[in-house]
Amino acid sequence: MDKLKVGIIGLGKISGIYLENLTKVFSHKVELVGVVDLLSERSASVAEQYKVKQYADVEALLGDPAIDLVLNLTTPQSHFALCKQALEAGKHVYVEKPLSLNVEQASALVELAQKKQLRLGCAPDTFLGAGIQTCRKLIDDGWIGRPVAASAFMMNHGHESWHPDPAFYYQVGGGPLFDMGPYYITAMVNLLGPVDSVTGYAQKSFETRTVTSEPKKGEVIDVEVATHIAGALHFESGAVATLVTSFDIWHHSMPRLEIYGTEGSLQVPDPNTFGGPILFCRKGTKEWKEIPLLFDYAENSRGLGVADIAQSIVEGSDNRASGVLARHVVEVMSSLILSADKKQQVAIKHSCQRPLPR
């Protein structure tokens, strides 16, 4: 087939890097056709800058036969409805994380895509970058022996100090787990395989947040979700991971992600990035050594998941940042919250294949 023709719904803060990468870095595989946003002046500006169509509304974009794939960059609360609408219109879909707000919605999208024989993809695609792919090769090649455990910490004090419109981060579908958890859980599934059960604890440490960033400085946000979640993940392989995600922490010195094996330990790069550094320490030694990156896409390469869909269509293969993987991640996150509510371990019902390495 020719280049995969893409239409974007939603032109918020994250859209900038997608626009740049789809029109430059991945232009050999995809072609940006048009855009739409709730703010028509914003979509008009983007359309003019990138010389693409500006659609009057979502229906106009979905009705354009020139569009092969819809890139959904709206806020999490809109992911399910818009992805469903796009799939029903016969379009492939790639959506920002999370795939949906719960596993029932995620399953409905996976099943609809399968029924219509369409590709469904979901962020993050950072695990396809140079950093985590290099870690994947090191693990697969036996550098740390058999992986037995992992530690993952994503802790800061929230987005209200820098994001121009941070309220949705504290609504259902937001919080540190659903906002940042997909990066860490997806990376661990890529490195260790799928999760089979979880145990979690969760709390909401502050009832409100005050915005200190422009243009909504001084606005008070009601917090609807847990903002500190601590959990244990048990993988089908037998490995056990500790995961903490928090918007309640000012400072910390914990590792972002480490994998521990029978023959050594591996410090994985920030799962929210595509590059390095990577540190390795073999058993019997005390010195960490930096490992060079073995793959391309070390810079911010958001859109790599869209390019992977284009490649998968050509090859007749499954895309790596898939809807099935994203559903698994949604279920892991939802189950951590359910475990905290019920004060018991929760089994994961929807497994997935470990994504193929690049």
Protein backbone atom coordinates (compact mmCIF):
# COMPACT_ATOMS: atom_id res chain seq x y z
CA MET A 1 0.00 0.00 0.00
CA ASP A 2 0.96 3.64 -0.27
CA LYS A 3 1.75 5.77 2.75
CA LEU A 4 -0.71 5.40 5.63
CA LYS A 5 -2.88 8.52 5.52
CA VAL A 6 -3.54 10.00 8.96
CA GLY A 7 -6.10 12.40 10.40
CA ILE A 8 -5.64 13.84 13.90
CA ILE A 9 -8.44 14.51 16.39
CA GLY A 10 -7.35 16.80 19.23
CA LEU A 11 -4.58 19.38 19.07
CA GLY A 12 -3.62 19.90 22.70
CA LYS A 13 -0.13 20.09 24.17
CA ILE A 14 0.96 16.58 23.16
CA SER A 15 0.03 17.11 19.50
CA GLY A 16 3.08 19.25 18.72
CA ILE A 17 5.59 16.39 18.78
CA TYR A 18 3.25 14.10 16.82
CA LEU A 19 2.79 16.74 14.12
CA GLU A 20 6.52 17.25 13.79
CA ASN A 21 7.41 13.57 13.74
CA LEU A 22 4.62 12.42 11.42
CA THR A 23 5.50 15.10 8.87
CA LYS A 24 9.28 14.70 9.15
CA VAL A 25 10.70 11.67 10.94
CA PHE A 26 8.07 9.17 9.72
CA SER A 27 7.05 10.86 6.47
CA HIS A 28 8.40 7.88 4.51
CA LYS A 29 5.66 5.69 6.03
CA VAL A 30 2.76 8.03 6.86
CA GLU A 31 1.15 11.12 5.40
CA LEU A 32 -0.72 13.66 7.51
CA VAL A 33 -3.93 14.54 5.65
CA GLY A 34 -5.91 16.72 8.07
CA VAL A 35 -6.79 17.78 11.60
CA VAL A 36 -9.76 18.74 13.75
CA ASP A 37 -10.08 20.28 17.21
CA LEU A 38 -12.87 21.65 19.38
CA LEU A 39 -11.19 25.05 18.99
CA SER A 40 -11.52 25.84 15.29
CA GLU A 41 -8.90 28.58 15.47
CA ARG A 42 -6.39 26.05 16.75
CA SER A 43 -7.08 23.55 13.98
CA ALA A 44 -6.99 26.37 11.42
CA SER A 45 -3.54 27.40 12.62
CA VAL A 46 -2.19 23.85 12.52
CA ALA A 47 -3.73 23.18 9.10
CA GLU A 48 -2.09 26.28 7.71
CA GLN A 49 1.29 25.50 9.27
CA TYR A 50 1.42 21.93 7.98
CA LYS A 51 -0.49 22.51 4.73
CA VAL A 52 -3.20 19.96 5.50
CA LYS A 53 -7.00 19.95 5.64
CA GLN A 54 -8.93 21.54 8.46
CA TYR A 55 -12.12 19.58 9.12
CA ALA A 56 -15.23 21.29 10.45
CA ASP A 57 -15.91 18.47 12.93
CA VAL A 58 -15.07 14.88 13.78
CA GLU A 59 -17.78 13.54 11.49
CA ALA A 60 -16.23 15.34 8.51
CA LEU A 61 -12.83 13.81 9.24
CA LEU A 62 -14.28 10.32 9.69
CA GLY A 63 -16.27 10.69 6.50
CA ASP A 64 -13.22 11.47 4.40
CA PRO A 65 -12.25 8.36 2.39
CA ALA A 66 -8.70 9.73 2.14
CA ILE A 67 -8.14 8.99 5.84
CA ASP A 68 -6.79 5.51 6.65
CA LEU A 69 -5.97 6.00 10.34
CA VAL A 70 -7.31 8.27 13.06
CA LEU A 71 -4.82 9.52 15.62
CA ASN A 72 -6.85 10.31 18.74
CA LEU A 73 -5.05 12.85 20.93
CA THR A 74 -8.03 13.94 23.03
CA THR A 75 -8.21 13.72 26.82
CA PRO A 76 -8.78 10.26 28.37
CA GLN A 77 -12.47 10.87 29.02
CA SER A 78 -13.06 10.99 25.25
CA HIS A 79 -10.87 8.07 24.20
CA PHE A 80 -13.46 5.31 24.18
CA ALA A 81 -16.27 7.11 22.36
CA LEU A 82 -14.06 8.61 19.67
CA CYS A 83 -12.07 5.41 19.08
CA LYS A 84 -15.32 3.45 18.78
CA GLN A 85 -16.69 6.02 16.35
CA ALA A 86 -13.52 5.88 14.24
CA LEU A 87 -13.45 2.08 14.13
CA GLU A 88 -17.12 1.99 13.16
CA ALA A 89 -16.25 4.37 10.33
CA GLY A 90 -13.73 1.82 9.04
CA LYS A 91 -10.57 3.62 10.15
CA HIS A 92 -7.50 2.19 11.82
CA VAL A 93 -6.94 3.88 15.19
CA TYR A 94 -3.98 4.94 17.29
CA VAL A 95 -4.84 6.69 20.56
CA GLU A 96 -2.92 8.36 23.35
CA LYS A 97 -2.86 6.48 26.63
CA PRO A 98 -4.83 5.10 28.29
CA LEU A 99 -6.85 3.10 25.78
CA SER A 100 -10.00 3.61 27.88
CA LEU A 101 -11.08 4.32 31.43
CA ASN A 102 -11.84 0.68 32.26
CA VAL A 103 -11.25 -2.82 30.93
CA GLU A 104 -14.84 -3.22 29.68
CA GLN A 105 -14.43 -0.25 27.34
CA ALA A 106 -10.97 -1.42 26.31
CA SER A 107 -12.31 -4.90 25.50
CA ALA A 108 -15.13 -3.43 23.42
CA LEU A 109 -12.57 -1.55 21.30
CA VAL A 110 -10.31 -4.60 20.90
CA GLU A 111 -13.25 -6.74 19.84
CA LEU A 112 -14.59 -4.12 17.44
CA ALA A 113 -11.20 -3.70 15.78
CA GLN A 114 -10.86 -7.47 15.41
CA LYS A 115 -14.36 -7.79 13.99
CA LYS A 116 -13.67 -5.10 11.39
CA GLN A 117 -10.11 -6.34 10.72
CA LEU A 118 -8.65 -2.95 11.60
CA ARG A 119 -5.45 -2.07 13.46
CA LEU A 120 -5.92 -0.66 16.96
CA GLY A 121 -2.87 0.92 18.58
CA CYS A 122 -2.25 2.85 21.75
CA ALA A 123 0.47 4.88 23.41
CA PRO A 124 2.96 4.63 24.84
CA ASP A 125 5.31 3.75 22.01
CA THR A 126 8.35 4.75 24.06
CA PHE A 127 9.14 1.06 24.63
CA LEU A 128 9.89 0.84 20.90
CA GLY A 129 12.69 3.39 21.24
CA ALA A 130 16.43 2.83 21.44
CA GLY A 131 16.63 2.69 25.24
CA ILE A 132 14.09 0.06 26.19
CA GLN A 133 14.70 -1.96 23.02
CA THR A 134 18.38 -2.17 23.97
CA CYS A 135 17.34 -3.34 27.46
CA ARG A 136 15.05 -5.90 25.84
CA LYS A 137 17.97 -7.32 23.84
CA LEU A 138 20.21 -7.44 26.92
CA ILE A 139 17.56 -9.39 28.83
CA ASP A 140 16.78 -11.70 25.90
CA ASP A 141 20.51 -12.34 25.41
CA GLY A 142 20.86 -13.39 29.07
CA TRP A 143 22.95 -10.52 30.46
CA ILE A 144 21.09 -10.54 33.79
CA GLY A 145 20.17 -14.22 33.72
CA ARG A 146 16.57 -15.06 34.57
CA PRO A 147 14.63 -11.91 35.55
CA VAL A 148 13.21 -12.32 39.05
CA ALA A 149 12.11 -8.85 40.15
CA ALA A 150 11.70 -5.18 39.23
CA SER A 151 11.27 -1.81 40.93
CA ALA A 152 9.45 1.11 39.30
CA PHE A 153 8.86 4.57 40.79
CA MET A 154 7.08 7.48 39.11
CA MET A 155 6.80 10.20 41.75
CA ASN A 156 6.37 13.95 41.49
CA HIS A 157 3.99 16.60 42.78
CA GLY A 158 1.56 16.75 39.91
CA HIS A 159 1.04 18.82 36.79
CA GLU A 160 -0.57 21.98 38.13
CA SER A 161 2.77 23.79 38.31
CA TRP A 162 3.49 23.56 34.56
CA HIS A 163 0.55 22.31 32.48
CA PRO A 164 -1.67 25.04 30.92
CA ASP A 165 -4.89 23.13 31.68
CA PRO A 166 -4.18 20.45 34.32
CA ALA A 167 -7.70 19.75 35.67
CA PHE A 168 -8.25 16.52 33.71
CA TYR A 169 -5.19 14.96 35.39
CA TYR A 170 -7.23 14.84 38.61
CA GLN A 171 -10.43 13.49 37.06
CA VAL A 172 -11.43 9.89 36.37
CA GLY A 173 -8.98 8.58 33.81
CA GLY A 174 -6.20 10.73 35.25
CA GLY A 175 -4.14 10.57 38.41
CA PRO A 176 -0.55 9.31 38.46
CA LEU A 177 -1.50 5.70 37.71
CA PHE A 178 -3.60 6.23 34.58
CA ASP A 179 -1.50 9.19 33.41
CA MET A 180 2.03 7.82 33.87
CA GLY A 181 1.47 4.18 34.79
CA PRO A 182 1.10 3.09 31.14
CA TYR A 183 4.75 4.02 30.45
CA TYR A 184 6.07 1.91 33.32
CA ILE A 185 3.69 -1.05 33.02
CA THR A 186 4.09 -1.26 29.23
CA ALA A 187 7.87 -1.17 29.60
CA MET A 188 7.75 -3.97 32.18
CA VAL A 189 5.43 -6.12 30.05
CA ASN A 190 7.82 -5.64 27.13
CA LEU A 191 10.78 -6.68 29.30
CA LEU A 192 9.19 -9.33 31.55
CA GLY A 193 5.99 -10.46 29.84
CA PRO A 194 2.35 -10.13 30.94
CA VAL A 195 1.07 -9.72 34.51
CA ASP A 196 -1.19 -12.35 36.10
CA SER A 197 -2.14 -10.72 39.43
CA VAL A 198 -1.72 -7.52 41.44
CA THR A 199 -2.08 -6.15 44.94
CA GLY A 200 -2.46 -2.43 45.50
CA TYR A 201 -2.93 0.37 48.02
CA ALA A 202 -4.19 3.82 47.07
CA GLN A 203 -4.95 7.13 48.71
CA LYS A 204 -6.00 10.67 47.83
CA SER A 205 -3.67 12.86 49.85
CA PHE A 206 -5.15 16.27 48.99
CA GLU A 207 -8.80 17.07 48.28
CA THR A 208 -7.94 20.03 46.04
CA ARG A 209 -5.03 21.35 43.97
CA THR A 210 -4.25 24.99 43.18
CA VAL A 211 -2.96 25.76 39.71
CA THR A 212 0.27 27.80 39.69
CA SER A 213 0.81 27.74 35.90
CA GLU A 214 -0.59 30.13 33.33
CA PRO A 215 -3.17 30.80 32.03
CA LYS A 216 -5.27 29.32 34.88
CA LYS A 217 -3.09 30.36 37.80
CA GLY A 218 -5.08 30.42 41.04
CA GLU A 219 -7.79 28.05 39.85
CA VAL A 220 -8.68 25.39 42.45
CA ILE A 221 -9.11 21.83 41.14
CA ASP A 222 -11.21 19.20 42.91
CA VAL A 223 -9.31 15.91 43.10
CA GLU A 224 -11.48 12.93 42.08
CA VAL A 225 -8.89 10.15 41.98
CA ALA A 226 -6.20 8.52 44.09
CA THR A 227 -2.93 10.42 43.85
CA HIS A 228 -0.58 7.92 45.53
CA ILE A 229 -0.74 4.27 44.48
CA ALA A 230 1.63 1.55 45.67
CA GLY A 231 1.37 -1.93 44.23
CA ALA A 232 2.94 -5.32 43.66
CA LEU A 233 2.71 -6.97 40.24
CA HIS A 234 3.17 -10.71 39.75
CA PHE A 235 4.13 -11.72 36.21
CA GLU A 236 3.28 -14.95 34.40
CA SER A 237 7.04 -15.59 34.24
CA GLY A 238 7.19 -15.64 38.05
CA ALA A 239 8.89 -12.26 38.41
CA VAL A 240 7.57 -9.78 40.99
CA ALA A 241 7.64 -5.98 40.61
CA THR A 242 7.09 -3.07 42.94
CA LEU A 243 5.30 -0.10 41.34
CA VAL A 244 4.67 3.28 42.97
CA THR A 245 3.00 6.16 41.11
CA SER A 246 2.40 9.44 42.94
CA PHE A 247 1.47 13.08 42.46
CA ASP A 248 2.15 13.71 46.18
CA ILE A 249 5.95 13.65 46.35
CA TRP A 250 8.15 16.75 46.25
CA HIS A 251 11.53 14.99 46.11
CA HIS A 252 12.84 11.42 46.02
CA SER A 253 15.91 9.38 45.11
CA MET A 254 14.27 6.14 43.96
CA PRO A 255 15.06 4.52 40.58
CA ARG A 256 12.62 5.02 37.72
CA LEU A 257 12.87 1.38 36.62
CA GLU A 258 15.29 -1.41 37.48
CA ILE A 259 15.17 -5.08 36.48
CA TYR A 260 16.89 -7.67 38.69
CA GLY A 261 18.03 -11.08 37.46
CA THR A 262 19.89 -14.13 38.68
CA GLU A 263 23.13 -12.89 37.04
CA GLY A 264 22.92 -9.11 37.45
CA SER A 265 20.86 -5.92 37.49
CA LEU A 266 19.77 -3.45 34.83
CA GLN A 267 18.87 0.23 35.22
CA VAL A 268 16.32 0.98 32.50
CA PRO A 269 15.98 4.51 31.10
CA ASP A 270 12.99 6.69 32.01
CA PRO A 271 10.04 4.84 30.36
CA ASN A 272 8.63 8.23 29.34
CA THR A 273 11.59 8.70 26.99
CA PHE A 274 12.96 6.90 23.95
CA GLY A 275 16.70 7.03 24.71
CA GLY A 276 19.14 6.24 27.53
CA PRO A 277 21.18 5.97 29.65
CA ILE A 278 21.32 2.26 30.46
CA LEU A 279 23.40 0.91 33.35
CA PHE A 280 24.33 -2.73 33.96
CA CYS A 281 25.93 -4.41 36.98
CA ARG A 282 26.97 -8.05 36.82
CA LYS A 283 26.85 -10.33 39.86
CA GLY A 284 30.11 -10.35 41.82
CA THR A 285 30.90 -6.74 40.89
CA LYS A 286 29.94 -3.41 42.42
CA GLU A 287 30.43 -1.03 39.52
CA TRP A 288 27.60 -0.02 37.22
CA LYS A 289 28.67 0.24 33.57
CA GLU A 290 26.86 2.24 30.91
CA ILE A 291 25.70 0.24 27.90
CA PRO A 292 25.56 1.97 24.50
CA LEU A 293 22.24 2.13 22.66
CA LEU A 294 21.91 -0.54 19.99
CA PHE A 295 18.87 0.79 18.13
CA ASP A 296 17.59 3.94 16.49
CA TYR A 297 14.96 6.40 17.75
CA ALA A 298 16.70 7.73 20.84
CA GLU A 299 15.12 11.18 20.56
CA ASN A 300 11.46 12.02 21.27
CA SER A 301 9.90 9.79 18.62
CA ARG A 302 6.20 9.90 19.49
CA GLY A 303 4.41 8.66 16.42
CA LEU A 304 6.65 5.59 16.20
CA GLY A 305 3.59 3.51 17.11
CA VAL A 306 1.70 4.95 14.13
CA ALA A 307 4.64 4.18 11.85
CA ASP A 308 4.71 0.65 13.28
CA ILE A 309 1.05 0.22 12.28
CA ALA A 310 1.93 1.33 8.75
CA GLN A 311 4.74 -1.24 8.67
CA SER A 312 2.53 -3.98 10.11
CA ILE A 313 -0.05 -3.45 7.37
CA VAL A 314 2.65 -3.80 4.71
CA GLU A 315 4.05 -6.94 6.35
CA GLY A 316 0.69 -8.45 7.32
CA SER A 317 1.85 -8.67 10.94
CA ASP A 318 0.53 -7.44 14.30
CA ASN A 319 1.49 -3.95 15.41
CA ARG A 320 3.55 -3.88 18.62
CA ALA A 321 1.92 -1.02 20.56
CA SER A 322 -1.36 -2.84 20.14
CA GLY A 323 -4.85 -2.54 21.54
CA VAL A 324 -4.49 -5.97 23.18
CA LEU A 325 -1.35 -4.81 25.00
CA ALA A 326 -3.05 -1.54 25.98
CA ARG A 327 -6.10 -3.40 27.31
CA HIS A 328 -3.80 -5.52 29.46
CA VAL A 329 -2.21 -2.35 30.86
CA VAL A 330 -5.65 -0.82 31.54
CA GLU A 331 -6.68 -3.97 33.40
CA VAL A 332 -3.50 -3.98 35.48
CA MET A 333 -4.10 -0.35 36.49
CA SER A 334 -7.81 -0.86 37.16
CA SER A 335 -7.03 -3.97 39.19
CA LEU A 336 -4.56 -2.10 41.39
CA ILE A 337 -7.34 0.34 42.32
CA LEU A 338 -9.82 -2.52 42.77
CA SER A 339 -7.34 -4.34 44.99
CA ALA A 340 -6.94 -1.23 47.13
CA ASP A 341 -10.72 -0.92 47.47
CA LYS A 342 -11.29 -4.60 48.28
CA LYS A 343 -8.07 -5.07 50.27
CA GLN A 344 -7.29 -8.29 48.40
CA GLN A 345 -5.22 -9.64 45.53
CA VAL A 346 -6.83 -9.35 42.09
CA ALA A 347 -6.23 -11.75 39.18
CA ILE A 348 -5.74 -10.36 35.66
CA LYS A 349 -8.22 -11.89 33.20
CA HIS A 350 -6.97 -10.50 29.88
CA SER A 351 -3.40 -11.48 29.12
CA CYS A 352 -1.38 -10.46 26.06
CA GLN A 353 1.63 -11.55 24.06
CA ARG A 354 4.96 -10.01 24.95
CA PRO A 355 5.51 -7.57 22.07
CA LEU A 356 8.04 -8.68 19.49
CA PRO A 357 11.37 -6.85 19.66
CA ARG A 358 12.17 -4.36 16.91
